[in-house]
PDB file of N, CA and C in Angstrom:
ATOM      1  N   UNK A   1      -6.667 -14.877  -0.879  1.00  0.00           N
ATOM      2  CA  UNK A   1      -5.728 -13.908  -0.328  1.00  0.00           C
ATOM      3  C   UNK A   1      -6.148 -13.552   1.081  1.00  0.00           C
ATOM      4  N   UNK A   2      -5.196 -13.638   1.986  1.00  0.00           N
ATOM      5  CA  UNK A   2      -5.423 -13.197   3.355  1.00  0.00           C
ATOM      6  C   UNK A   2      -4.462 -12.041   3.638  1.00  0.00           C
ATOM      7  N   UNK A   3      -4.982 -10.984   4.260  1.00  0.00           N
ATOM      8  CA  UNK A   3      -4.166  -9.847   4.638  1.00  0.00           C
ATOM      9  C   UNK A   3      -4.299  -9.636   6.126  1.00  0.00           C
ATOM     10  N   UNK A   4      -3.161  -9.612   6.803  1.00  0.00           N
ATOM     11  CA  UNK A   4      -3.152  -9.388   8.241  1.00  0.00           C
ATOM     12  C   UNK A   4      -2.339  -8.128   8.530  1.00  0.00           C
ATOM     13  N   UNK A   5      -2.907  -7.220   9.319  1.00  0.00           N
ATOM     14  CA  UNK A   5      -2.166  -6.048   9.782  1.00  0.00           C
ATOM     15  C   UNK A   5      -1.594  -6.352  11.142  1.00  0.00           C
ATOM     16  N   UNK A   6      -0.336  -5.956  11.350  1.00  0.00           N
ATOM     17  CA  UNK A   6       0.319  -6.197  12.619  1.00  0.00           C
ATOM     18  C   UNK A   6       1.345  -5.072  12.881  1.00  0.00           C
ATOM     19  N   UNK A   7       1.948  -5.114  14.028  1.00  0.00           N
ATOM     20  CA  UNK A   7       3.026  -4.201  14.402  1.00  0.00           C
ATOM     21  C   UNK A   7       4.188  -5.027  14.908  1.00  0.00           C
ATOM     22  N   UNK A   8       5.377  -4.750  14.420  1.00  0.00           N
ATOM     23  CA  UNK A   8       6.584  -5.465  14.886  1.00  0.00           C
ATOM     24  C   UNK A   8       7.560  -4.451  15.468  1.00  0.00           C
ATOM     25  N   UNK A   9       8.483  -4.940  16.248  1.00  0.00           N
ATOM     26  CA  UNK A   9       9.501  -4.101  16.879  1.00  0.00           C
ATOM     27  C   UNK A   9       8.866  -2.900  17.590  1.00  0.00           C
ATOM     28  N   UNK A  10       7.701  -3.129  18.154  1.00  0.00           N
ATOM     29  CA  UNK A  10       6.957  -2.184  18.990  1.00  0.00           C
ATOM     30  C   UNK A  10       6.358  -0.998  18.236  1.00  0.00           C
ATOM     31  N   UNK A  11       6.758  -0.731  17.000  1.00  0.00           N
ATOM     32  CA  UNK A  11       6.252   0.471  16.336  1.00  0.00           C
ATOM     33  C   UNK A  11       6.197   0.388  14.797  1.00  0.00           C
ATOM     34  N   UNK A  12       6.585  -0.693  14.215  1.00  0.00           N
ATOM     35  CA  UNK A  12       6.646  -0.764  12.737  1.00  0.00           C
ATOM     36  C   UNK A  12       5.438  -1.529  12.216  1.00  0.00           C
ATOM     37  N   UNK A  13       4.584  -0.837  11.430  1.00  0.00           N
ATOM     38  CA  UNK A  13       3.431  -1.502  10.847  1.00  0.00           C
ATOM     39  C   UNK A  13       3.849  -2.515   9.782  1.00  0.00           C
ATOM     40  N   UNK A  14       3.102  -3.610   9.686  1.00  0.00           N
ATOM     41  CA  UNK A  14       3.387  -4.619   8.685  1.00  0.00           C
ATOM     42  C   UNK A  14       2.088  -5.182   8.115  1.00  0.00           C
ATOM     43  N   UNK A  15       2.068  -5.395   6.798  1.00  0.00           N
ATOM     44  CA  UNK A  15       1.009  -6.147   6.138  1.00  0.00           C
ATOM     45  C   UNK A  15       1.561  -7.517   5.842  1.00  0.00           C
ATOM     46  N   UNK A  16       0.899  -8.554   6.322  1.00  0.00           N
ATOM     47  CA  UNK A  16       1.325  -9.916   6.032  1.00  0.00           C
ATOM     48  C   UNK A  16       0.352 -10.495   5.014  1.00  0.00           C
ATOM     49  N   UNK A  17       0.872 -10.849   3.849  1.00  0.00           N
ATOM     50  CA  UNK A  17       0.047 -11.361   2.779  1.00  0.00           C
ATOM     51  C   UNK A  17       0.261 -12.866   2.641  1.00  0.00           C
ATOM     52  N   UNK A  18      -0.829 -13.600   2.462  1.00  0.00           N
ATOM     53  CA  UNK A  18      -0.715 -15.044   2.224  1.00  0.00           C
ATOM     54  C   UNK A  18      -1.707 -15.435   1.143  1.00  0.00           C
ATOM     55  N   UNK A  19      -1.383 -16.499   0.430  1.00  0.00           N
ATOM     56  CA  UNK A  19      -2.236 -16.955  -0.654  1.00  0.00           C
ATOM     57  C   UNK A  19      -1.685 -16.486  -1.997  1.00  0.00           C
ATOM     58  N   UNK A  20      -2.582 -16.006  -2.861  1.00  0.00           N
ATOM     59  CA  UNK A  20      -2.190 -15.605  -4.201  1.00  0.00           C
ATOM     60  C   UNK A  20      -2.392 -14.105  -4.381  1.00  0.00           C
ATOM     61  N   UNK A  21      -1.338 -13.429  -4.786  1.00  0.00           N
ATOM     62  CA  UNK A  21      -1.423 -11.998  -5.089  1.00  0.00           C
ATOM     63  C   UNK A  21      -1.492 -11.887  -6.600  1.00  0.00           C
ATOM     64  N   UNK A  22      -2.729 -11.786  -7.083  1.00  0.00           N
ATOM     65  CA  UNK A  22      -2.973 -11.755  -8.535  1.00  0.00           C
ATOM     66  C   UNK A  22      -4.055 -10.719  -8.821  1.00  0.00           C
ATOM     67  N   UNK A  23      -4.508 -10.700 -10.065  1.00  0.00           N
ATOM     68  CA  UNK A  23      -5.484  -9.704 -10.497  1.00  0.00           C
ATOM     69  C   UNK A  23      -6.706  -9.663  -9.590  1.00  0.00           C
ATOM     70  N   UNK A  24      -7.148 -10.815  -9.120  1.00  0.00           N
ATOM     71  CA  UNK A  24      -8.331 -10.869  -8.276  1.00  0.00           C
ATOM     72  C   UNK A  24      -8.135 -10.298  -6.886  1.00  0.00           C
ATOM     73  N   UNK A  25      -6.929 -10.323  -6.376  1.00  0.00           N
ATOM     74  CA  UNK A  25      -6.678  -9.851  -5.009  1.00  0.00           C
ATOM     75  C   UNK A  25      -6.051  -8.459  -4.961  1.00  0.00           C
ATOM     76  N   UNK A  26      -5.643  -7.917  -6.103  1.00  0.00           N
ATOM     77  CA  UNK A  26      -4.996  -6.612  -6.138  1.00  0.00           C
ATOM     78  C   UNK A  26      -5.838  -5.509  -5.488  1.00  0.00           C
ATOM     79  N   UNK A  27      -7.153  -5.417  -5.763  1.00  0.00           N
ATOM     80  CA  UNK A  27      -7.913  -4.338  -5.107  1.00  0.00           C
ATOM     81  C   UNK A  27      -7.869  -4.375  -3.594  1.00  0.00           C
ATOM     82  N   UNK A  28      -7.901  -5.556  -3.018  1.00  0.00           N
ATOM     83  CA  UNK A  28      -7.834  -5.700  -1.573  1.00  0.00           C
ATOM     84  C   UNK A  28      -6.469  -5.254  -1.025  1.00  0.00           C
ATOM     85  N   UNK A  29      -5.411  -5.609  -1.717  1.00  0.00           N
ATOM     86  CA  UNK A  29      -4.065  -5.211  -1.286  1.00  0.00           C
ATOM     87  C   UNK A  29      -3.875  -3.725  -1.462  1.00  0.00           C
ATOM     88  N   UNK A  30      -4.345  -3.168  -2.564  1.00  0.00           N
ATOM     89  CA  UNK A  30      -4.264  -1.742  -2.807  1.00  0.00           C
ATOM     90  C   UNK A  30      -4.986  -0.976  -1.692  1.00  0.00           C
ATOM     91  N   UNK A  31      -6.160  -1.455  -1.310  1.00  0.00           N
ATOM     92  CA  UNK A  31      -6.930  -0.816  -0.236  1.00  0.00           C
ATOM     93  C   UNK A  31      -6.161  -0.858   1.089  1.00  0.00           C
ATOM     94  N   UNK A  32      -5.521  -1.955   1.386  1.00  0.00           N
ATOM     95  CA  UNK A  32      -4.749  -2.089   2.629  1.00  0.00           C
ATOM     96  C   UNK A  32      -3.545  -1.128   2.630  1.00  0.00           C
ATOM     97  N   UNK A  33      -2.851  -1.017   1.501  1.00  0.00           N
ATOM     98  CA  UNK A  33      -1.717  -0.099   1.408  1.00  0.00           C
ATOM     99  C   UNK A  33      -2.200   1.342   1.556  1.00  0.00           C
ATOM    100  N   UNK A  34      -3.270   1.671   0.833  1.00  0.00           N
ATOM    101  CA  UNK A  34      -3.832   3.035   0.932  1.00  0.00           C
ATOM    102  C   UNK A  34      -4.296   3.345   2.356  1.00  0.00           C
ATOM    103  N   UNK A  35      -4.810   2.301   3.027  1.00  0.00           N
ATOM    104  CA  UNK A  35      -5.234   2.511   4.418  1.00  0.00           C
ATOM    105  C   UNK A  35      -4.088   2.958   5.303  1.00  0.00           C
ATOM    106  N   UNK A  36      -2.942   2.311   5.155  1.00  0.00           N
ATOM    107  CA  UNK A  36      -1.757   2.731   5.911  1.00  0.00           C
ATOM    108  C   UNK A  36      -1.409   4.169   5.598  1.00  0.00           C
ATOM    109  N   UNK A  37      -1.373   4.490   4.308  1.00  0.00           N
ATOM    110  CA  UNK A  37      -0.982   5.845   3.885  1.00  0.00           C
ATOM    111  C   UNK A  37      -1.979   6.888   4.419  1.00  0.00           C
ATOM    112  N   UNK A  38      -3.262   6.609   4.327  1.00  0.00           N
ATOM    113  CA  UNK A  38      -4.284   7.545   4.814  1.00  0.00           C
ATOM    114  C   UNK A  38      -4.178   7.769   6.326  1.00  0.00           C
ATOM    115  N   UNK A  39      -3.660   6.759   7.035  1.00  0.00           N
ATOM    116  CA  UNK A  39      -3.441   6.883   8.480  1.00  0.00           C
ATOM    117  C   UNK A  39      -2.135   7.601   8.812  1.00  0.00           C
ATOM    118  N   UNK A  40      -1.403   7.978   7.769  1.00  0.00           N
ATOM    119  CA  UNK A  40      -0.115   8.641   7.982  1.00  0.00           C
ATOM    120  C   UNK A  40       1.052   7.690   8.149  1.00  0.00           C
ATOM    121  N   UNK A  41       0.801   6.410   7.918  1.00  0.00           N
ATOM    122  CA  UNK A  41       1.861   5.387   8.016  1.00  0.00           C
ATOM    123  C   UNK A  41       2.539   5.298   6.662  1.00  0.00           C
ATOM    124  N   UNK A  42       3.726   5.881   6.539  1.00  0.00           N
ATOM    125  CA  UNK A  42       4.428   5.846   5.262  1.00  0.00           C
ATOM    126  C   UNK A  42       5.773   5.095   5.336  1.00  0.00           C
ATOM    127  N   UNK A  43       6.059   4.518   6.451  1.00  0.00           N
ATOM    128  CA  UNK A  43       7.223   3.628   6.629  1.00  0.00           C
ATOM    129  C   UNK A  43       6.699   2.316   7.177  1.00  0.00           C
ATOM    130  N   UNK A  44       6.625   1.283   6.318  1.00  0.00           N
ATOM    131  CA  UNK A  44       6.060   0.026   6.788  1.00  0.00           C
ATOM    132  C   UNK A  44       6.625  -1.145   5.998  1.00  0.00           C
ATOM    133  N   UNK A  45       6.288  -2.335   6.483  1.00  0.00           N
ATOM    134  CA  UNK A  45       6.738  -3.580   5.854  1.00  0.00           C
ATOM    135  C   UNK A  45       5.592  -4.291   5.186  1.00  0.00           C
ATOM    136  N   UNK A  46       5.908  -5.024   4.143  1.00  0.00           N
ATOM    137  CA  UNK A  46       4.946  -5.949   3.532  1.00  0.00           C
ATOM    138  C   UNK A  46       5.646  -7.323   3.526  1.00  0.00           C
ATOM    139  N   UNK A  47       5.050  -8.281   4.208  1.00  0.00           N
ATOM    140  CA  UNK A  47       5.623  -9.619   4.330  1.00  0.00           C
ATOM    141  C   UNK A  47       4.998 -10.510   3.274  1.00  0.00           C
ATOM    142  N   UNK A  48       5.816 -11.038   2.369  1.00  0.00           N
ATOM    143  CA  UNK A  48       5.362 -11.885   1.248  1.00  0.00           C
ATOM    144  C   UNK A  48       5.723 -13.353   1.446  1.00  0.00           C
ATOM    145  N   UNK A  49       6.285 -13.707   2.598  1.00  0.00           N
ATOM    146  CA  UNK A  49       6.795 -15.059   2.799  1.00  0.00           C
ATOM    147  C   UNK A  49       5.739 -16.138   2.625  1.00  0.00           C
ATOM    148  N   UNK A  50       4.498 -15.845   3.006  1.00  0.00           N
ATOM    149  CA  UNK A  50       3.429 -16.838   2.918  1.00  0.00           C
ATOM    150  C   UNK A  50       2.655 -16.823   1.593  1.00  0.00           C
ATOM    151  N   UNK A  51       3.142 -16.039   0.626  1.00  0.00           N
ATOM    152  CA  UNK A  51       2.481 -16.043  -0.690  1.00  0.00           C
ATOM    153  C   UNK A  51       2.779 -17.352  -1.409  1.00  0.00           C
ATOM    154  N   UNK A  52       1.766 -17.863  -2.082  1.00  0.00           N
ATOM    155  CA  UNK A  52       1.938 -19.039  -2.936  1.00  0.00           C
ATOM    156  C   UNK A  52       2.232 -18.653  -4.383  1.00  0.00           C
ATOM    157  N   UNK A  53       1.796 -17.429  -4.753  1.00  0.00           N
ATOM    158  CA  UNK A  53       1.884 -17.019  -6.139  1.00  0.00           C
ATOM    159  C   UNK A  53       1.788 -15.509  -6.222  1.00  0.00           C
ATOM    160  N   UNK A  54       2.520 -14.913  -7.178  1.00  0.00           N
ATOM    161  CA  UNK A  54       2.401 -13.484  -7.471  1.00  0.00           C
ATOM    162  C   UNK A  54       2.495 -13.328  -8.982  1.00  0.00           C
ATOM    163  N   UNK A  55       1.607 -12.502  -9.569  1.00  0.00           N
ATOM    164  CA  UNK A  55       1.696 -12.239 -10.996  1.00  0.00           C
ATOM    165  C   UNK A  55       2.025 -10.773 -11.233  1.00  0.00           C
ATOM    166  N   UNK A  56       2.019 -10.358 -12.503  1.00  0.00           N
ATOM    167  CA  UNK A  56       2.443  -9.002 -12.833  1.00  0.00           C
ATOM    168  C   UNK A  56       1.548  -7.945 -12.218  1.00  0.00           C
ATOM    169  N   UNK A  57       0.256  -8.227 -12.071  1.00  0.00           N
ATOM    170  CA  UNK A  57      -0.618  -7.250 -11.432  1.00  0.00           C
ATOM    171  C   UNK A  57      -0.304  -7.134  -9.951  1.00  0.00           C
ATOM    172  N   UNK A  58       0.099  -8.236  -9.327  1.00  0.00           N
ATOM    173  CA  UNK A  58       0.537  -8.188  -7.938  1.00  0.00           C
ATOM    174  C   UNK A  58       1.817  -7.384  -7.768  1.00  0.00           C
ATOM    175  N   UNK A  59       2.757  -7.583  -8.692  1.00  0.00           N
ATOM    176  CA  UNK A  59       3.969  -6.765  -8.650  1.00  0.00           C
ATOM    177  C   UNK A  59       3.617  -5.295  -8.838  1.00  0.00           C
ATOM    178  N   UNK A  60       2.691  -5.048  -9.744  1.00  0.00           N
ATOM    179  CA  UNK A  60       2.290  -3.657 -10.031  1.00  0.00           C
ATOM    180  C   UNK A  60       1.701  -2.941  -8.815  1.00  0.00           C
ATOM    181  N   UNK A  61       0.888  -3.643  -8.021  1.00  0.00           N
ATOM    182  CA  UNK A  61       0.319  -2.980  -6.854  1.00  0.00           C
ATOM    183  C   UNK A  61       1.386  -2.657  -5.826  1.00  0.00           C
ATOM    184  N   UNK A  62       2.412  -3.488  -5.720  1.00  0.00           N
ATOM    185  CA  UNK A  62       3.497  -3.222  -4.799  1.00  0.00           C
ATOM    186  C   UNK A  62       4.329  -2.034  -5.278  1.00  0.00           C
ATOM    187  N   UNK A  63       4.634  -1.987  -6.562  1.00  0.00           N
ATOM    188  CA  UNK A  63       5.387  -0.864  -7.130  1.00  0.00           C
ATOM    189  C   UNK A  63       4.582   0.435  -6.982  1.00  0.00           C
ATOM    190  N   UNK A  64       3.295   0.365  -7.226  1.00  0.00           N
ATOM    191  CA  UNK A  64       2.435   1.550  -7.089  1.00  0.00           C
ATOM    192  C   UNK A  64       2.416   2.046  -5.632  1.00  0.00           C
ATOM    193  N   UNK A  65       2.325   1.111  -4.703  1.00  0.00           N
ATOM    194  CA  UNK A  65       2.354   1.483  -3.290  1.00  0.00           C
ATOM    195  C   UNK A  65       3.654   2.133  -2.906  1.00  0.00           C
ATOM    196  N   UNK A  66       4.755   1.593  -3.400  1.00  0.00           N
ATOM    197  CA  UNK A  66       6.056   2.158  -3.136  1.00  0.00           C
ATOM    198  C   UNK A  66       6.170   3.581  -3.679  1.00  0.00           C
ATOM    199  N   UNK A  67       5.655   3.799  -4.873  1.00  0.00           N
ATOM    200  CA  UNK A  67       5.676   5.155  -5.470  1.00  0.00           C
ATOM    201  C   UNK A  67       4.883   6.122  -4.604  1.00  0.00           C
ATOM    202  N   UNK A  68       3.725   5.695  -4.107  1.00  0.00           N
ATOM    203  CA  UNK A  68       2.904   6.588  -3.274  1.00  0.00           C
ATOM    204  C   UNK A  68       3.590   6.950  -1.982  1.00  0.00           C
ATOM    205  N   UNK A  69       4.214   5.998  -1.313  1.00  0.00           N
ATOM    206  CA  UNK A  69       4.878   6.330  -0.041  1.00  0.00           C
ATOM    207  C   UNK A  69       6.131   7.150  -0.264  1.00  0.00           C
ATOM    208  N   UNK A  70       6.829   6.902  -1.370  1.00  0.00           N
ATOM    209  CA  UNK A  70       8.045   7.697  -1.630  1.00  0.00           C
ATOM    210  C   UNK A  70       7.685   9.164  -1.963  1.00  0.00           C
ATOM    211  N   UNK A  71       6.506   9.403  -2.547  1.00  0.00           N
ATOM    212  CA  UNK A  71       6.030  10.769  -2.763  1.00  0.00           C
ATOM    213  C   UNK A  71       5.880  11.493  -1.420  1.00  0.00           C
ATOM    214  N   UNK A  72       5.694  10.735  -0.375  1.00  0.00           N
ATOM    215  CA  UNK A  72       5.517  11.287   0.980  1.00  0.00           C
ATOM    216  C   UNK A  72       6.776  11.061   1.844  1.00  0.00           C
ATOM    217  N   UNK A  73       7.914  10.879   1.179  1.00  0.00           N
ATOM    218  CA  UNK A  73       9.187  10.638   1.834  1.00  0.00           C
ATOM    219  C   UNK A  73       9.155   9.387   2.727  1.00  0.00           C
ATOM    220  N   UNK A  74       8.386   8.410   2.319  1.00  0.00           N
ATOM    221  CA  UNK A  74       8.291   7.147   3.078  1.00  0.00           C
ATOM    222  C   UNK A  74       9.040   6.031   2.394  1.00  0.00           C
ATOM    223  N   UNK A  75       8.841   4.826   2.928  1.00  0.00           N
ATOM    224  CA  UNK A  75       9.534   3.653   2.383  1.00  0.00           C
ATOM    225  C   UNK A  75       8.748   2.380   2.742  1.00  0.00           C
ATOM    226  N   UNK A  76       8.696   1.486   1.807  1.00  0.00           N
ATOM    227  CA  UNK A  76       8.147   0.144   2.052  1.00  0.00           C
ATOM    228  C   UNK A  76       9.324  -0.825   1.943  1.00  0.00           C
ATOM    229  N   UNK A  77       9.499  -1.656   2.968  1.00  0.00           N
ATOM    230  CA  UNK A  77      10.491  -2.716   2.946  1.00  0.00           C
ATOM    231  C   UNK A  77       9.750  -4.018   2.808  1.00  0.00           C
ATOM    232  N   UNK A  78      10.228  -4.913   1.956  1.00  0.00           N
ATOM    233  CA  UNK A  78       9.603  -6.213   1.784  1.00  0.00           C
ATOM    234  C   UNK A  78      10.311  -7.268   2.622  1.00  0.00           C
ATOM    235  N   UNK A  79       9.524  -8.233   3.084  1.00  0.00           N
ATOM    236  CA  UNK A  79      10.041  -9.390   3.792  1.00  0.00           C
ATOM    237  C   UNK A  79       9.669 -10.616   2.962  1.00  0.00           C
ATOM    238  N   UNK A  80      10.653 -11.414   2.585  1.00  0.00           N
ATOM    239  CA  UNK A  80      10.351 -12.605   1.805  1.00  0.00           C
ATOM    240  C   UNK A  80      11.439 -13.653   1.993  1.00  0.00           C
ATOM    241  N   UNK A  81      11.070 -14.714   2.682  1.00  0.00           N
ATOM    242  CA  UNK A  81      11.966 -15.855   2.843  1.00  0.00           C
ATOM    243  C   UNK A  81      11.556 -16.988   1.905  1.00  0.00           C
ATOM    244  N   UNK A  82      10.628 -16.714   1.014  1.00  0.00           N
ATOM    245  CA  UNK A  82      10.101 -17.702   0.077  1.00  0.00           C
ATOM    246  C   UNK A  82      10.924 -17.599  -1.208  1.00  0.00           C
ATOM    247  N   UNK A  83      11.744 -18.583  -1.485  1.00  0.00           N
ATOM    248  CA  UNK A  83      12.636 -18.527  -2.669  1.00  0.00           C
ATOM    249  C   UNK A  83      11.876 -18.396  -3.981  1.00  0.00           C
ATOM    250  N   UNK A  84      10.749 -19.051  -4.080  1.00  0.00           N
ATOM    251  CA  UNK A  84       9.978 -18.997  -5.335  1.00  0.00           C
ATOM    252  C   UNK A  84       9.486 -17.578  -5.619  1.00  0.00           C
ATOM    253  N   UNK A  85       8.963 -16.910  -4.586  1.00  0.00           N
ATOM    254  CA  UNK A  85       8.489 -15.534  -4.756  1.00  0.00           C
ATOM    255  C   UNK A  85       9.668 -14.586  -4.951  1.00  0.00           C
ATOM    256  N   UNK A  86      10.723 -14.788  -4.205  1.00  0.00           N
ATOM    257  CA  UNK A  86      11.914 -13.945  -4.345  1.00  0.00           C
ATOM    258  C   UNK A  86      12.494 -14.034  -5.761  1.00  0.00           C
ATOM    259  N   UNK A  87      12.418 -15.212  -6.336  1.00  0.00           N
ATOM    260  CA  UNK A  87      12.935 -15.422  -7.701  1.00  0.00           C
ATOM    261  C   UNK A  87      12.179 -14.529  -8.707  1.00  0.00           C
ATOM    262  N   UNK A  88      10.894 -14.337  -8.503  1.00  0.00           N
ATOM    263  CA  UNK A  88      10.116 -13.463  -9.397  1.00  0.00           C
ATOM    264  C   UNK A  88      10.684 -12.027  -9.320  1.00  0.00           C
ATOM    265  N   UNK A  89      11.003 -11.573  -8.116  1.00  0.00           N
ATOM    266  CA  UNK A  89      11.578 -10.229  -7.960  1.00  0.00           C
ATOM    267  C   UNK A  89      12.956 -10.145  -8.612  1.00  0.00           C
ATOM    268  N   UNK A  90      13.723 -11.199  -8.540  1.00  0.00           N
ATOM    269  CA  UNK A  90      15.036 -11.226  -9.160  1.00  0.00           C
ATOM    270  C   UNK A  90      14.927 -11.201 -10.682  1.00  0.00           C
ATOM    271  N   UNK A  91      14.030 -12.010 -11.238  1.00  0.00           N
ATOM    272  CA  UNK A  91      13.885 -12.084 -12.697  1.00  0.00           C
ATOM    273  C   UNK A  91      13.363 -10.788 -13.289  1.00  0.00           C
ATOM    274  N   UNK A  92      12.529 -10.068 -12.537  1.00  0.00           N
ATOM    275  CA  UNK A  92      11.989  -8.805 -13.018  1.00  0.00           C
ATOM    276  C   UNK A  92      12.838  -7.603 -12.623  1.00  0.00           C
ATOM    277  N   UNK A  93      13.961  -7.884 -11.957  1.00  0.00           N
ATOM    278  CA  UNK A  93      14.875  -6.863 -11.483  1.00  0.00           C
ATOM    279  C   UNK A  93      14.258  -5.888 -10.488  1.00  0.00           C
ATOM    280  N   UNK A  94      13.196  -6.289  -9.864  1.00  0.00           N
ATOM    281  CA  UNK A  94      12.587  -5.442  -8.825  1.00  0.00           C
ATOM    282  C   UNK A  94      13.398  -5.471  -7.528  1.00  0.00           C
ATOM    283  N   UNK A  95      14.383  -6.335  -7.467  1.00  0.00           N
ATOM    284  CA  UNK A  95      15.304  -6.301  -6.315  1.00  0.00           C
ATOM    285  C   UNK A  95      16.132  -5.010  -6.343  1.00  0.00           C
ATOM    286  N   UNK A  96      16.171  -4.335  -7.476  1.00  0.00           N
ATOM    287  CA  UNK A  96      16.870  -3.064  -7.579  1.00  0.00           C
ATOM    288  C   UNK A  96      15.987  -1.911  -7.075  1.00  0.00           C
ATOM    289  N   UNK A  97      14.682  -2.150  -7.004  1.00  0.00           N
ATOM    290  CA  UNK A  97      13.755  -1.108  -6.572  1.00  0.00           C
ATOM    291  C   UNK A  97      13.391  -1.276  -5.104  1.00  0.00           C
ATOM    292  N   UNK A  98      13.203  -2.510  -4.681  1.00  0.00           N
ATOM    293  CA  UNK A  98      12.797  -2.809  -3.302  1.00  0.00           C
ATOM    294  C   UNK A  98      13.957  -3.340  -2.489  1.00  0.00           C
ATOM    295  N   UNK A  99      14.001  -2.981  -1.224  1.00  0.00           N
ATOM    296  CA  UNK A  99      14.882  -3.650  -0.264  1.00  0.00           C
ATOM    297  C   UNK A  99      14.114  -4.844   0.284  1.00  0.00           C
ATOM    298  N   UNK A 100      14.680  -6.032   0.163  1.00  0.00           N
ATOM    299  CA  UNK A 100      13.988  -7.255   0.580  1.00  0.00           C
ATOM    300  C   UNK A 100      14.806  -7.963   1.658  1.00  0.00           C
ATOM    301  N   UNK A 101      14.134  -8.315   2.742  1.00  0.00           N
ATOM    302  CA  UNK A 101      14.786  -8.914   3.905  1.00  0.00           C
ATOM    303  C   UNK A 101      14.173 -10.289   4.201  1.00  0.00           C
ATOM    304  N   UNK A 102      14.918 -11.138   4.889  1.00  0.00           N
ATOM    305  CA  UNK A 102      14.428 -12.471   5.222  1.00  0.00           C
ATOM    306  C   UNK A 102      13.504 -12.477   6.435  1.00  0.00           C
ATOM    307  N   UNK A 103      13.651 -11.524   7.335  1.00  0.00           N
ATOM    308  CA  UNK A 103      12.834 -11.494   8.536  1.00  0.00           C
ATOM    309  C   UNK A 103      12.234 -10.101   8.762  1.00  0.00           C
ATOM    310  N   UNK A 104      11.127 -10.095   9.473  1.00  0.00           N
ATOM    311  CA  UNK A 104      10.510  -8.813   9.816  1.00  0.00           C
ATOM    312  C   UNK A 104      11.402  -7.981  10.726  1.00  0.00           C
ATOM    313  N   UNK A 105      12.119  -8.633  11.626  1.00  0.00           N
ATOM    314  CA  UNK A 105      12.998  -7.903  12.547  1.00  0.00           C
ATOM    315  C   UNK A 105      14.108  -7.167  11.795  1.00  0.00           C
ATOM    316  N   UNK A 106      14.747  -7.808  10.837  1.00  0.00           N
ATOM    317  CA  UNK A 106      15.813  -7.136  10.118  1.00  0.00           C
ATOM    318  C   UNK A 106      15.262  -6.031   9.234  1.00  0.00           C
ATOM    319  N   UNK A 107      14.099  -6.248   8.654  1.00  0.00           N
ATOM    320  CA  UNK A 107      13.477  -5.208   7.846  1.00  0.00           C
ATOM    321  C   UNK A 107      13.091  -4.018   8.702  1.00  0.00           C
ATOM    322  N   UNK A 108      12.510  -4.281   9.866  1.00  0.00           N
ATOM    323  CA  UNK A 108      12.108  -3.201  10.777  1.00  0.00           C
ATOM    324  C   UNK A 108      13.318  -2.398  11.220  1.00  0.00           C
ATOM    325  N   UNK A 109      14.420  -3.097  11.516  1.00  0.00           N
ATOM    326  CA  UNK A 109      15.626  -2.394  11.943  1.00  0.00           C
ATOM    327  C   UNK A 109      16.181  -1.504  10.854  1.00  0.00           C
ATOM    328  N   UNK A 110      15.973  -1.885   9.595  1.00  0.00           N
ATOM    329  CA  UNK A 110      16.482  -1.075   8.474  1.00  0.00           C
ATOM    330  C   UNK A 110      15.737   0.240   8.324  1.00  0.00           C
ATOM    331  N   UNK A 111      14.527   0.317   8.893  1.00  0.00           N
ATOM    332  CA  UNK A 111      13.777   1.567   8.827  1.00  0.00           C
ATOM    333  C   UNK A 111      14.332   2.617   9.783  1.00  0.00           C
ATOM    334  N   UNK A 112      15.106   2.197  10.746  1.00  0.00           N
ATOM    335  CA  UNK A 112      15.685   3.131  11.711  1.00  0.00           C
ATOM    336  C   UNK A 112      14.706   3.446  12.826  1.00  0.00           C
ATOM    337  N   UNK A 113      15.219   3.852  13.937  1.00  0.00           N
ATOM    338  CA  UNK A 113      14.417   4.087  15.133  1.00  0.00           C
ATOM    339  C   UNK A 113      13.358   5.149  14.951  1.00  0.00           C
ATOM    340  N   UNK A 114      13.697   6.328  14.463  1.00  0.00           N
ATOM    341  CA  UNK A 114      12.741   7.418  14.399  1.00  0.00           C
ATOM    342  C   UNK A 114      11.908   7.443  13.164  1.00  0.00           C
ATOM    343  N   UNK A 115      12.280   6.662  12.137  1.00  0.00           N
ATOM    344  CA  UNK A 115      11.593   6.762  10.863  1.00  0.00           C
ATOM    345  C   UNK A 115      10.317   5.917  10.788  1.00  0.00           C
ATOM    346  N   UNK A 116      10.304   4.770  11.400  1.00  0.00           N
ATOM    347  CA  UNK A 116       9.214   3.823  11.192  1.00  0.00           C
ATOM    348  C   UNK A 116       7.881   4.411  11.616  1.00  0.00           C
ATOM    349  N   UNK A 117       6.864   3.946  10.913  1.00  0.00           N
ATOM    350  CA  UNK A 117       5.507   4.357  11.256  1.00  0.00           C
ATOM    351  C   UNK A 117       5.120   5.649  10.587  1.00  0.00           C
ATOM    352  N   UNK A 118       4.665   6.602  11.411  1.00  0.00           N
ATOM    353  CA  UNK A 118       4.086   7.827  10.873  1.00  0.00           C
ATOM    354  C   UNK A 118       5.120   8.779  10.315  1.00  0.00           C
ATOM    355  N   UNK A 119       4.649   9.565   9.344  1.00  0.00           N
ATOM    356  CA  UNK A 119       5.505  10.594   8.765  1.00  0.00           C
ATOM    357  C   UNK A 119       5.661  11.732   9.786  1.00  0.00           C
ATOM    358  N   UNK A 120       6.797  12.381   9.713  1.00  0.00           N
ATOM    359  CA  UNK A 120       7.055  13.480  10.637  1.00  0.00           C
ATOM    360  C   UNK A 120       6.256  14.705  10.270  1.00  0.00           C
TER     361      UNK A 120
END
């Protein structure tokens, strides 16, 4: 698992995940999500396009992260142009919980100008 932190659209934080999001990598991803939250970043993107695999524990860490940011009136938008990974979200009906976009730019735009990044 590789995790890269970046900023898109000049102000929107993003976690880019690549490799396998499974039981072994969940603690690292949880730490990265919590890091954003502890910094006051409650509106951000998680890019899953470069994932090779995701299991139920990987889905769980994403759902848990979403719950934490929503408690703080935040939002996580997912980016996934990988059909295989997107299919997992469709089969588990998590497409009803997460907004999923094909590109970081469209996901960032969905957060709105004043919302992205830090909580007010």
